[in-house]
Amino acid sequence: MVENIILRKDMTIAESIKLKPKISGLLMSKGMHCMGCVIAQGETLEQAAEVHGLDPDGLITELNELE
């Protein structure tokens, strides 16, 4: 049985990728190319979405739809 991982917008980029590696491609397609940089260690998904002009709730929905 596979556990369904639910990402939240208060999670860091690095934490989210560790939990759900498949989101990397979606984040890259949205212009978030800083997967392994220092910023990813402390920046939340919400902060990253806002910096890139994206709706944080919409981004989280998209990320959580990926298996």
C-alpha atoms as a PDB file:
ATOM      1  CA  MET A   1       0.000   0.000   0.000  1.00  0.00           C
ATOM      2  CA  VAL A   2       1.407   3.396  -1.023  1.00  0.00           C
ATOM      3  CA  GLU A   3       0.949   6.232   1.432  1.00  0.00           C
ATOM      4  CA  ASN A   4      -0.661   9.309  -0.095  1.00  0.00           C
ATOM      5  CA  ILE A   5       1.661  12.228   0.635  1.00  0.00           C
ATOM      6  CA  ILE A   6      -0.084  15.573   0.919  1.00  0.00           C
ATOM      7  CA  LEU A   7       2.103  18.619   0.419  1.00  0.00           C
ATOM      8  CA  ARG A   8       1.314  21.902   2.150  1.00  0.00           C
ATOM      9  CA  LYS A   9       2.307  25.392   1.117  1.00  0.00           C
ATOM     10  CA  ASP A  10       4.264  25.910   4.361  1.00  0.00           C
ATOM     11  CA  MET A  11       6.678  23.083   3.434  1.00  0.00           C
ATOM     12  CA  THR A  12      10.057  24.002   2.002  1.00  0.00           C
ATOM     13  CA  ILE A  13      10.891  23.180  -1.581  1.00  0.00           C
ATOM     14  CA  ALA A  14      13.622  20.776  -0.441  1.00  0.00           C
ATOM     15  CA  GLU A  15      11.325  19.002   2.030  1.00  0.00           C
ATOM     16  CA  SER A  16       8.604  18.670  -0.602  1.00  0.00           C
ATOM     17  CA  ILE A  17      10.954  17.205  -3.206  1.00  0.00           C
ATOM     18  CA  LYS A  18      12.333  14.741  -0.679  1.00  0.00           C
ATOM     19  CA  LEU A  19       8.812  13.542   0.113  1.00  0.00           C
ATOM     20  CA  LYS A  20       7.573  13.571  -3.477  1.00  0.00           C
ATOM     21  CA  PRO A  21      10.473  13.614  -5.989  1.00  0.00           C
ATOM     22  CA  LYS A  22       8.182  13.614  -9.031  1.00  0.00           C
ATOM     23  CA  ILE A  23       7.192  17.230  -8.371  1.00  0.00           C
ATOM     24  CA  SER A  24      10.596  18.439  -9.600  1.00  0.00           C
ATOM     25  CA  GLY A  25       9.508  18.382 -13.243  1.00  0.00           C
ATOM     26  CA  LEU A  26       6.364  20.377 -12.545  1.00  0.00           C
ATOM     27  CA  LEU A  27       8.273  22.947 -10.504  1.00  0.00           C
ATOM     28  CA  MET A  28      10.859  23.269 -13.283  1.00  0.00           C
ATOM     29  CA  SER A  29       8.094  23.794 -15.847  1.00  0.00           C
ATOM     30  CA  LYS A  30       6.810  26.678 -13.688  1.00  0.00           C
ATOM     31  CA  GLY A  31      10.215  28.397 -13.755  1.00  0.00           C
ATOM     32  CA  MET A  32      11.420  27.154 -10.384  1.00  0.00           C
ATOM     33  CA  HIS A  33      14.887  25.980 -11.359  1.00  0.00           C
ATOM     34  CA  CYS A  34      16.488  26.217  -7.926  1.00  0.00           C
ATOM     35  CA  MET A  35      15.824  22.645  -6.805  1.00  0.00           C
ATOM     36  CA  GLY A  36      19.190  22.000  -5.184  1.00  0.00           C
ATOM     37  CA  CYS A  37      20.255  25.510  -4.239  1.00  0.00           C
ATOM     38  CA  VAL A  38      20.423  27.003  -0.768  1.00  0.00           C
ATOM     39  CA  ILE A  39      17.171  28.911  -1.294  1.00  0.00           C
ATOM     40  CA  ALA A  40      15.274  25.629  -1.701  1.00  0.00           C
ATOM     41  CA  GLN A  41      16.301  24.658   1.828  1.00  0.00           C
ATOM     42  CA  GLY A  42      14.434  27.552   3.430  1.00  0.00           C
ATOM     43  CA  GLU A  43      11.909  28.834   0.896  1.00  0.00           C
ATOM     44  CA  THR A  44       8.396  27.462   1.230  1.00  0.00           C
ATOM     45  CA  LEU A  45       6.272  26.376  -1.682  1.00  0.00           C
ATOM     46  CA  GLU A  46       4.018  29.358  -0.977  1.00  0.00           C
ATOM     47  CA  GLN A  47       6.922  31.814  -1.078  1.00  0.00           C
ATOM     48  CA  ALA A  48       8.283  30.270  -4.277  1.00  0.00           C
ATOM     49  CA  ALA A  49       4.861  30.446  -5.934  1.00  0.00           C
ATOM     50  CA  GLU A  50       4.481  34.109  -5.037  1.00  0.00           C
ATOM     51  CA  VAL A  51       7.993  34.987  -6.270  1.00  0.00           C
ATOM     52  CA  HIS A  52       7.165  33.332  -9.595  1.00  0.00           C
ATOM     53  CA  GLY A  53       3.757  35.006  -9.921  1.00  0.00           C
ATOM     54  CA  LEU A  54       1.775  31.832  -9.288  1.00  0.00           C
ATOM     55  CA  ASP A  55      -1.247  31.170  -7.128  1.00  0.00           C
ATOM     56  CA  PRO A  56       0.064  29.184  -4.124  1.00  0.00           C
ATOM     57  CA  ASP A  57      -3.172  27.238  -3.664  1.00  0.00           C
ATOM     58  CA  GLY A  58      -3.290  26.338  -7.348  1.00  0.00           C
ATOM     59  CA  LEU A  59       0.323  25.182  -7.264  1.00  0.00           C
ATOM     60  CA  ILE A  60      -0.294  22.980  -4.224  1.00  0.00           C
ATOM     61  CA  THR A  61      -3.320  21.448  -5.917  1.00  0.00           C
ATOM     62  CA  GLU A  62      -1.251  20.628  -9.005  1.00  0.00           C
ATOM     63  CA  LEU A  63       1.596  19.180  -6.934  1.00  0.00           C
ATOM     64  CA  ASN A  64      -0.738  17.011  -4.887  1.00  0.00           C
ATOM     65  CA  GLU A  65      -2.419  15.656  -8.025  1.00  0.00           C
ATOM     66  CA  LEU A  66       0.884  14.081  -9.093  1.00  0.00           C
ATOM     67  CA  GLU A  67       1.383  10.501  -7.972  1.00  0.00           C
END
